[in-house]
């Protein structure tokens, strides 16, 4: 099973999570979302552990794939940290 983490659960993050949800070979094991309402909505809809802070998620979980679904101008730090973990 491919373990997937998603950073950002807005429109793009939800699209990716839905795609993974219906893939028999992958599962979202954790996601990070700073907005409490979106985090709760994602928690209700998808399996996996919910994090407010992606740094903590990356430190506590081991992923095969991390999807950065943040707005474009916020990608840099998240991508560097995901690649380093």
PDB file of N, CA and C in Angstrom:
ATOM      1  N   UNK A   1       0.841  -1.176   0.000  1.00  0.00           N
ATOM      2  CA  UNK A   1       0.000   0.000   0.000  1.00  0.00           C
ATOM      3  C   UNK A   1       0.891   1.246   0.000  1.00  0.00           C
ATOM      4  N   UNK A   2       0.607   2.174  -0.870  1.00  0.00           N
ATOM      5  CA  UNK A   2       1.345   3.436  -0.950  1.00  0.00           C
ATOM      6  C   UNK A   2       0.759   4.408   0.074  1.00  0.00           C
ATOM      7  N   UNK A   3       1.620   4.903   0.961  1.00  0.00           N
ATOM      8  CA  UNK A   3       1.195   5.815   2.033  1.00  0.00           C
ATOM      9  C   UNK A   3       1.331   7.256   1.548  1.00  0.00           C
ATOM     10  N   UNK A   4       0.207   7.978   1.561  1.00  0.00           N
ATOM     11  CA  UNK A   4       0.147   9.333   1.024  1.00  0.00           C
ATOM     12  C   UNK A   4      -0.147  10.330   2.133  1.00  0.00           C
ATOM     13  N   UNK A   5       0.573  11.446   2.103  1.00  0.00           N
ATOM     14  CA  UNK A   5       0.296  12.581   2.971  1.00  0.00           C
ATOM     15  C   UNK A   5      -0.063  13.771   2.099  1.00  0.00           C
ATOM     16  N   UNK A   6      -0.964  14.599   2.563  1.00  0.00           N
ATOM     17  CA  UNK A   6      -1.381  15.772   1.798  1.00  0.00           C
ATOM     18  C   UNK A   6      -1.237  17.004   2.676  1.00  0.00           C
ATOM     19  N   UNK A   7      -0.575  18.018   2.137  1.00  0.00           N
ATOM     20  CA  UNK A   7      -0.425  19.295   2.826  1.00  0.00           C
ATOM     21  C   UNK A   7      -1.355  20.282   2.138  1.00  0.00           C
ATOM     22  N   UNK A   8      -2.396  20.691   2.852  1.00  0.00           N
ATOM     23  CA  UNK A   8      -3.391  21.608   2.304  1.00  0.00           C
ATOM     24  C   UNK A   8      -4.626  20.863   1.852  1.00  0.00           C
ATOM     25  N   UNK A   9      -5.743  21.116   2.492  1.00  0.00           N
ATOM     26  CA  UNK A   9      -6.977  20.404   2.165  1.00  0.00           C
ATOM     27  C   UNK A   9      -8.056  21.358   1.656  1.00  0.00           C
ATOM     28  N   UNK A  10      -7.636  22.290   0.811  1.00  0.00           N
ATOM     29  CA  UNK A  10      -8.589  23.149   0.117  1.00  0.00           C
ATOM     30  C   UNK A  10      -9.120  22.409  -1.106  1.00  0.00           C
ATOM     31  N   UNK A  11      -9.394  23.127  -2.161  1.00  0.00           N
ATOM     32  CA  UNK A  11      -9.959  22.519  -3.371  1.00  0.00           C
ATOM     33  C   UNK A  11      -9.031  21.454  -3.938  1.00  0.00           C
ATOM     34  N   UNK A  12      -7.754  21.812  -4.147  1.00  0.00           N
ATOM     35  CA  UNK A  12      -6.804  20.842  -4.723  1.00  0.00           C
ATOM     36  C   UNK A  12      -6.569  19.651  -3.809  1.00  0.00           C
ATOM     37  N   UNK A  13      -6.370  19.912  -2.531  1.00  0.00           N
ATOM     38  CA  UNK A  13      -6.130  18.823  -1.591  1.00  0.00           C
ATOM     39  C   UNK A  13      -7.269  17.835  -1.556  1.00  0.00           C
ATOM     40  N   UNK A  14      -8.493  18.327  -1.601  1.00  0.00           N
ATOM     41  CA  UNK A  14      -9.660  17.444  -1.631  1.00  0.00           C
ATOM     42  C   UNK A  14      -9.730  16.644  -2.923  1.00  0.00           C
ATOM     43  N   UNK A  15      -9.383  17.270  -4.043  1.00  0.00           N
ATOM     44  CA  UNK A  15      -9.357  16.526  -5.314  1.00  0.00           C
ATOM     45  C   UNK A  15      -8.359  15.379  -5.252  1.00  0.00           C
ATOM     46  N   UNK A  16      -7.170  15.673  -4.741  1.00  0.00           N
ATOM     47  CA  UNK A  16      -6.158  14.613  -4.628  1.00  0.00           C
ATOM     48  C   UNK A  16      -6.598  13.531  -3.646  1.00  0.00           C
ATOM     49  N   UNK A  17      -7.149  13.927  -2.511  1.00  0.00           N
ATOM     50  CA  UNK A  17      -7.591  12.947  -1.517  1.00  0.00           C
ATOM     51  C   UNK A  17      -8.698  12.058  -2.074  1.00  0.00           C
ATOM     52  N   UNK A  18      -9.630  12.636  -2.847  1.00  0.00           N
ATOM     53  CA  UNK A  18     -10.674  11.826  -3.481  1.00  0.00           C
ATOM     54  C   UNK A  18     -10.083  10.826  -4.456  1.00  0.00           C
ATOM     55  N   UNK A  19      -9.099  11.250  -5.212  1.00  0.00           N
ATOM     56  CA  UNK A  19      -8.446  10.344  -6.164  1.00  0.00           C
ATOM     57  C   UNK A  19      -7.777   9.194  -5.437  1.00  0.00           C
ATOM     58  N   UNK A  20      -7.043   9.504  -4.377  1.00  0.00           N
ATOM     59  CA  UNK A  20      -6.359   8.462  -3.612  1.00  0.00           C
ATOM     60  C   UNK A  20      -7.374   7.538  -2.944  1.00  0.00           C
ATOM     61  N   UNK A  21      -8.461   8.103  -2.468  1.00  0.00           N
ATOM     62  CA  UNK A  21      -9.484   7.318  -1.767  1.00  0.00           C
ATOM     63  C   UNK A  21     -10.004   6.163  -2.625  1.00  0.00           C
ATOM     64  N   UNK A  22     -10.080   6.376  -3.926  1.00  0.00           N
ATOM     65  CA  UNK A  22     -10.617   5.349  -4.823  1.00  0.00           C
ATOM     66  C   UNK A  22      -9.539   4.541  -5.531  1.00  0.00           C
ATOM     67  N   UNK A  23      -8.309   4.643  -5.059  1.00  0.00           N
ATOM     68  CA  UNK A  23      -7.213   3.859  -5.603  1.00  0.00           C
ATOM     69  C   UNK A  23      -6.952   2.682  -4.666  1.00  0.00           C
ATOM     70  N   UNK A  24      -7.053   1.487  -5.171  1.00  0.00           N
ATOM     71  CA  UNK A  24      -6.896   0.294  -4.344  1.00  0.00           C
ATOM     72  C   UNK A  24      -5.463   0.100  -3.848  1.00  0.00           C
ATOM     73  N   UNK A  25      -4.519   0.840  -4.402  1.00  0.00           N
ATOM     74  CA  UNK A  25      -3.116   0.646  -4.061  1.00  0.00           C
ATOM     75  C   UNK A  25      -2.532   1.772  -3.208  1.00  0.00           C
ATOM     76  N   UNK A  26      -3.361   2.729  -2.809  1.00  0.00           N
ATOM     77  CA  UNK A  26      -2.871   3.862  -2.033  1.00  0.00           C
ATOM     78  C   UNK A  26      -3.886   4.265  -0.985  1.00  0.00           C
ATOM     79  N   UNK A  27      -3.385   4.942   0.055  1.00  0.00           N
ATOM     80  CA  UNK A  27      -4.271   5.476   1.084  1.00  0.00           C
ATOM     81  C   UNK A  27      -3.672   6.744   1.677  1.00  0.00           C
ATOM     82  N   UNK A  28      -4.539   7.692   1.993  1.00  0.00           N
ATOM     83  CA  UNK A  28      -4.109   8.901   2.689  1.00  0.00           C
ATOM     84  C   UNK A  28      -3.995   8.534   4.162  1.00  0.00           C
ATOM     85  N   UNK A  29      -2.767   8.580   4.683  1.00  0.00           N
ATOM     86  CA  UNK A  29      -2.592   8.233   6.099  1.00  0.00           C
ATOM     87  C   UNK A  29      -2.595   9.470   6.987  1.00  0.00           C
ATOM     88  N   UNK A  30      -2.366  10.655   6.385  1.00  0.00           N
ATOM     89  CA  UNK A  30      -2.394  11.892   7.165  1.00  0.00           C
ATOM     90  C   UNK A  30      -2.511  13.086   6.224  1.00  0.00           C
ATOM     91  N   UNK A  31      -3.037  14.172   6.771  1.00  0.00           N
ATOM     92  CA  UNK A  31      -3.112  15.414   6.020  1.00  0.00           C
ATOM     93  C   UNK A  31      -2.969  16.569   6.987  1.00  0.00           C
ATOM     94  N   UNK A  32      -2.522  17.700   6.460  1.00  0.00           N
ATOM     95  CA  UNK A  32      -2.343  18.897   7.274  1.00  0.00           C
ATOM     96  C   UNK A  32      -3.143  20.039   6.667  1.00  0.00           C
ATOM     97  N   UNK A  33      -3.849  20.744   7.521  1.00  0.00           N
ATOM     98  CA  UNK A  33      -4.659  21.888   7.093  1.00  0.00           C
ATOM     99  C   UNK A  33      -4.731  22.872   8.248  1.00  0.00           C
ATOM    100  N   UNK A  34      -4.320  24.099   8.013  1.00  0.00           N
ATOM    101  CA  UNK A  34      -4.322  25.119   9.055  1.00  0.00           C
ATOM    102  C   UNK A  34      -5.689  25.670   9.390  1.00  0.00           C
ATOM    103  N   UNK A  35      -6.601  25.649   8.440  1.00  0.00           N
ATOM    104  CA  UNK A  35      -7.948  26.170   8.666  1.00  0.00           C
ATOM    105  C   UNK A  35      -8.767  25.128   9.433  1.00  0.00           C
ATOM    106  N   UNK A  36      -9.262  25.451  10.645  1.00  0.00           N
ATOM    107  CA  UNK A  36      -9.962  24.456  11.459  1.00  0.00           C
ATOM    108  C   UNK A  36     -11.222  23.877  10.810  1.00  0.00           C
ATOM    109  N   UNK A  37     -11.969  24.703  10.089  1.00  0.00           N
ATOM    110  CA  UNK A  37     -13.199  24.201   9.462  1.00  0.00           C
ATOM    111  C   UNK A  37     -12.866  23.217   8.331  1.00  0.00           C
ATOM    112  N   UNK A  38     -11.892  23.575   7.507  1.00  0.00           N
ATOM    113  CA  UNK A  38     -11.498  22.661   6.417  1.00  0.00           C
ATOM    114  C   UNK A  38     -10.859  21.396   6.962  1.00  0.00           C
ATOM    115  N   UNK A  39     -10.073  21.542   8.038  1.00  0.00           N
ATOM    116  CA  UNK A  39      -9.450  20.359   8.653  1.00  0.00           C
ATOM    117  C   UNK A  39     -10.518  19.402   9.156  1.00  0.00           C
ATOM    118  N   UNK A  40     -11.548  19.930   9.829  1.00  0.00           N
ATOM    119  CA  UNK A  40     -12.621  19.084  10.346  1.00  0.00           C
ATOM    120  C   UNK A  40     -13.407  18.445   9.209  1.00  0.00           C
ATOM    121  N   UNK A  41     -13.687  19.209   8.160  1.00  0.00           N
ATOM    122  CA  UNK A  41     -14.414  18.647   7.011  1.00  0.00           C
ATOM    123  C   UNK A  41     -13.622  17.513   6.379  1.00  0.00           C
ATOM    124  N   UNK A  42     -12.321  17.680   6.245  1.00  0.00           N
ATOM    125  CA  UNK A  42     -11.483  16.623   5.675  1.00  0.00           C
ATOM    126  C   UNK A  42     -11.423  15.418   6.603  1.00  0.00           C
ATOM    127  N   UNK A  43     -11.372  15.682   7.888  1.00  0.00           N
ATOM    128  CA  UNK A  43     -11.360  14.603   8.886  1.00  0.00           C
ATOM    129  C   UNK A  43     -12.644  13.777   8.809  1.00  0.00           C
ATOM    130  N   UNK A  44     -13.766  14.450   8.594  1.00  0.00           N
ATOM    131  CA  UNK A  44     -15.053  13.767   8.485  1.00  0.00           C
ATOM    132  C   UNK A  44     -15.163  12.951   7.194  1.00  0.00           C
ATOM    133  N   UNK A  45     -14.503  13.407   6.158  1.00  0.00           N
ATOM    134  CA  UNK A  45     -14.655  12.797   4.837  1.00  0.00           C
ATOM    135  C   UNK A  45     -13.613  11.719   4.523  1.00  0.00           C
ATOM    136  N   UNK A  46     -12.395  11.897   5.026  1.00  0.00           N
ATOM    137  CA  UNK A  46     -11.302  10.998   4.665  1.00  0.00           C
ATOM    138  C   UNK A  46     -10.728  10.316   5.893  1.00  0.00           C
ATOM    139  N   UNK A  47     -10.144   9.158   5.666  1.00  0.00           N
ATOM    140  CA  UNK A  47      -9.420   8.508   6.754  1.00  0.00           C
ATOM    141  C   UNK A  47      -8.056   9.186   6.857  1.00  0.00           C
ATOM    142  N   UNK A  48      -7.335   8.865   7.859  1.00  0.00           N
ATOM    143  CA  UNK A  48      -6.031   9.463   8.048  1.00  0.00           C
ATOM    144  C   UNK A  48      -6.048  10.435   9.205  1.00  0.00           C
ATOM    145  N   UNK A  49      -4.868  10.687   9.734  1.00  0.00           N
ATOM    146  CA  UNK A  49      -4.741  11.580  10.869  1.00  0.00           C
ATOM    147  C   UNK A  49      -4.688  13.025  10.400  1.00  0.00           C
ATOM    148  N   UNK A  50      -5.375  13.900  11.119  1.00  0.00           N
ATOM    149  CA  UNK A  50      -5.441  15.319  10.769  1.00  0.00           C
ATOM    150  C   UNK A  50      -4.449  16.113  11.614  1.00  0.00           C
ATOM    151  N   UNK A  51      -3.704  16.982  10.947  1.00  0.00           N
ATOM    152  CA  UNK A  51      -2.735  17.852  11.616  1.00  0.00           C
ATOM    153  C   UNK A  51      -3.020  19.301  11.275  1.00  0.00           C
ATOM    154  N   UNK A  52      -2.781  20.174  12.239  1.00  0.00           N
ATOM    155  CA  UNK A  52      -2.872  21.606  11.980  1.00  0.00           C
ATOM    156  C   UNK A  52      -1.587  22.091  11.306  1.00  0.00           C
ATOM    157  N   UNK A  53      -0.468  21.483  11.670  1.00  0.00           N
ATOM    158  CA  UNK A  53       0.853  21.918  11.225  1.00  0.00           C
ATOM    159  C   UNK A  53       1.524  20.833  10.385  1.00  0.00           C
ATOM    160  N   UNK A  54       1.878  21.150   9.154  1.00  0.00           N
ATOM    161  CA  UNK A  54       2.497  20.136   8.298  1.00  0.00           C
ATOM    162  C   UNK A  54       3.882  19.736   8.791  1.00  0.00           C
ATOM    163  N   UNK A  55       4.578  20.608   9.498  1.00  0.00           N
ATOM    164  CA  UNK A  55       5.894  20.246  10.035  1.00  0.00           C
ATOM    165  C   UNK A  55       5.771  19.092  11.017  1.00  0.00           C
ATOM    166  N   UNK A  56       4.787  19.165  11.845  1.00  0.00           N
ATOM    167  CA  UNK A  56       4.545  18.082  12.818  1.00  0.00           C
ATOM    168  C   UNK A  56       4.141  16.794  12.089  1.00  0.00           C
ATOM    169  N   UNK A  57       3.283  16.918  11.084  1.00  0.00           N
ATOM    170  CA  UNK A  57       2.864  15.748  10.316  1.00  0.00           C
ATOM    171  C   UNK A  57       4.074  15.065   9.689  1.00  0.00           C
ATOM    172  N   UNK A  58       4.942  15.844   9.063  1.00  0.00           N
ATOM    173  CA  UNK A  58       6.119  15.277   8.406  1.00  0.00           C
ATOM    174  C   UNK A  58       7.075  14.641   9.405  1.00  0.00           C
ATOM    175  N   UNK A  59       7.159  15.182  10.612  1.00  0.00           N
ATOM    176  CA  UNK A  59       8.038  14.633  11.642  1.00  0.00           C
ATOM    177  C   UNK A  59       7.500  13.332  12.235  1.00  0.00           C
ATOM    178  N   UNK A  60       6.175  13.202  12.298  1.00  0.00           N
ATOM    179  CA  UNK A  60       5.569  12.060  12.984  1.00  0.00           C
ATOM    180  C   UNK A  60       5.192  10.906  12.071  1.00  0.00           C
ATOM    181  N   UNK A  61       5.067  11.130  10.781  1.00  0.00           N
ATOM    182  CA  UNK A  61       4.595  10.095   9.860  1.00  0.00           C
ATOM    183  C   UNK A  61       5.670   9.761   8.831  1.00  0.00           C
ATOM    184  N   UNK A  62       5.594   8.569   8.274  1.00  0.00           N
ATOM    185  CA  UNK A  62       6.474   8.149   7.179  1.00  0.00           C
ATOM    186  C   UNK A  62       5.609   7.939   5.944  1.00  0.00           C
ATOM    187  N   UNK A  63       5.928   8.652   4.867  1.00  0.00           N
ATOM    188  CA  UNK A  63       5.133   8.623   3.646  1.00  0.00           C
ATOM    189  C   UNK A  63       5.939   8.084   2.476  1.00  0.00           C
ATOM    190  N   UNK A  64       5.239   7.490   1.538  1.00  0.00           N
ATOM    191  CA  UNK A  64       5.833   7.166   0.243  1.00  0.00           C
ATOM    192  C   UNK A  64       5.708   8.362  -0.695  1.00  0.00           C
ATOM    193  N   UNK A  65       4.619   9.116  -0.524  1.00  0.00           N
ATOM    194  CA  UNK A  65       4.331  10.285  -1.351  1.00  0.00           C
ATOM    195  C   UNK A  65       3.767  11.384  -0.452  1.00  0.00           C
ATOM    196  N   UNK A  66       4.228  12.613  -0.683  1.00  0.00           N
ATOM    197  CA  UNK A  66       3.623  13.781  -0.037  1.00  0.00           C
ATOM    198  C   UNK A  66       3.160  14.712  -1.149  1.00  0.00           C
ATOM    199  N   UNK A  67       1.891  15.062  -1.113  1.00  0.00           N
ATOM    200  CA  UNK A  67       1.311  15.992  -2.080  1.00  0.00           C
ATOM    201  C   UNK A  67       1.213  17.357  -1.410  1.00  0.00           C
ATOM    202  N   UNK A  68       1.829  18.353  -2.036  1.00  0.00           N
ATOM    203  CA  UNK A  68       1.733  19.723  -1.530  1.00  0.00           C
ATOM    204  C   UNK A  68       0.644  20.422  -2.339  1.00  0.00           C
ATOM    205  N   UNK A  69      -0.487  20.654  -1.689  1.00  0.00           N
ATOM    206  CA  UNK A  69      -1.655  21.240  -2.359  1.00  0.00           C
ATOM    207  C   UNK A  69      -1.966  22.621  -1.778  1.00  0.00           C
ATOM    208  N   UNK A  70      -0.943  23.303  -1.389  1.00  0.00           N
ATOM    209  CA  UNK A  70      -1.093  24.673  -0.890  1.00  0.00           C
ATOM    210  C   UNK A  70      -1.186  25.634  -2.066  1.00  0.00           C
ATOM    211  N   UNK A  71      -1.590  26.881  -1.818  1.00  0.00           N
ATOM    212  CA  UNK A  71      -1.507  27.879  -2.881  1.00  0.00           C
ATOM    213  C   UNK A  71      -0.054  27.973  -3.376  1.00  0.00           C
ATOM    214  N   UNK A  72       0.122  28.265  -4.644  1.00  0.00           N
ATOM    215  CA  UNK A  72       1.443  28.235  -5.273  1.00  0.00           C
ATOM    216  C   UNK A  72       2.508  29.011  -4.505  1.00  0.00           C
ATOM    217  N   UNK A  73       2.174  30.182  -4.002  1.00  0.00           N
ATOM    218  CA  UNK A  73       3.184  31.006  -3.330  1.00  0.00           C
ATOM    219  C   UNK A  73       3.621  30.441  -1.975  1.00  0.00           C
ATOM    220  N   UNK A  74       2.975  29.386  -1.496  1.00  0.00           N
ATOM    221  CA  UNK A  74       3.336  28.757  -0.229  1.00  0.00           C
ATOM    222  C   UNK A  74       4.040  27.409  -0.409  1.00  0.00           C
ATOM    223  N   UNK A  75       4.313  27.001  -1.625  1.00  0.00           N
ATOM    224  CA  UNK A  75       4.908  25.683  -1.888  1.00  0.00           C
ATOM    225  C   UNK A  75       6.326  25.519  -1.365  1.00  0.00           C
ATOM    226  N   UNK A  76       7.156  26.531  -1.513  1.00  0.00           N
ATOM    227  CA  UNK A  76       8.595  26.380  -1.310  1.00  0.00           C
ATOM    228  C   UNK A  76       8.962  25.704   0.010  1.00  0.00           C
ATOM    229  N   UNK A  77       8.575  26.265   1.134  1.00  0.00           N
ATOM    230  CA  UNK A  77       8.968  25.716   2.433  1.00  0.00           C
ATOM    231  C   UNK A  77       8.421  24.308   2.644  1.00  0.00           C
ATOM    232  N   UNK A  78       7.194  24.084   2.250  1.00  0.00           N
ATOM    233  CA  UNK A  78       6.584  22.757   2.428  1.00  0.00           C
ATOM    234  C   UNK A  78       7.297  21.712   1.575  1.00  0.00           C
ATOM    235  N   UNK A  79       7.631  22.057   0.345  1.00  0.00           N
ATOM    236  CA  UNK A  79       8.327  21.113  -0.533  1.00  0.00           C
ATOM    237  C   UNK A  79       9.718  20.807   0.003  1.00  0.00           C
ATOM    238  N   UNK A  80      10.437  21.815   0.421  1.00  0.00           N
ATOM    239  CA  UNK A  80      11.790  21.593   0.971  1.00  0.00           C
ATOM    240  C   UNK A  80      11.725  20.710   2.211  1.00  0.00           C
ATOM    241  N   UNK A  81      10.790  20.981   3.085  1.00  0.00           N
ATOM    242  CA  UNK A  81      10.671  20.175   4.303  1.00  0.00           C
ATOM    243  C   UNK A  81      10.236  18.741   3.980  1.00  0.00           C
ATOM    244  N   UNK A  82       9.298  18.563   3.056  1.00  0.00           N
ATOM    245  CA  UNK A  82       8.853  17.209   2.680  1.00  0.00           C
ATOM    246  C   UNK A  82      10.000  16.430   2.047  1.00  0.00           C
ATOM    247  N   UNK A  83      10.781  17.083   1.209  1.00  0.00           N
ATOM    248  CA  UNK A  83      11.906  16.405   0.551  1.00  0.00           C
ATOM    249  C   UNK A  83      13.006  16.038   1.554  1.00  0.00           C
ATOM    250  N   UNK A  84      13.092  16.789   2.636  1.00  0.00           N
ATOM    251  CA  UNK A  84      14.121  16.546   3.643  1.00  0.00           C
ATOM    252  C   UNK A  84      13.723  15.476   4.654  1.00  0.00           C
ATOM    253  N   UNK A  85      12.439  15.150   4.703  1.00  0.00           N
ATOM    254  CA  UNK A  85      11.994  14.192   5.729  1.00  0.00           C
ATOM    255  C   UNK A  85      12.000  12.770   5.230  1.00  0.00           C
TER     256      UNK A  85
END
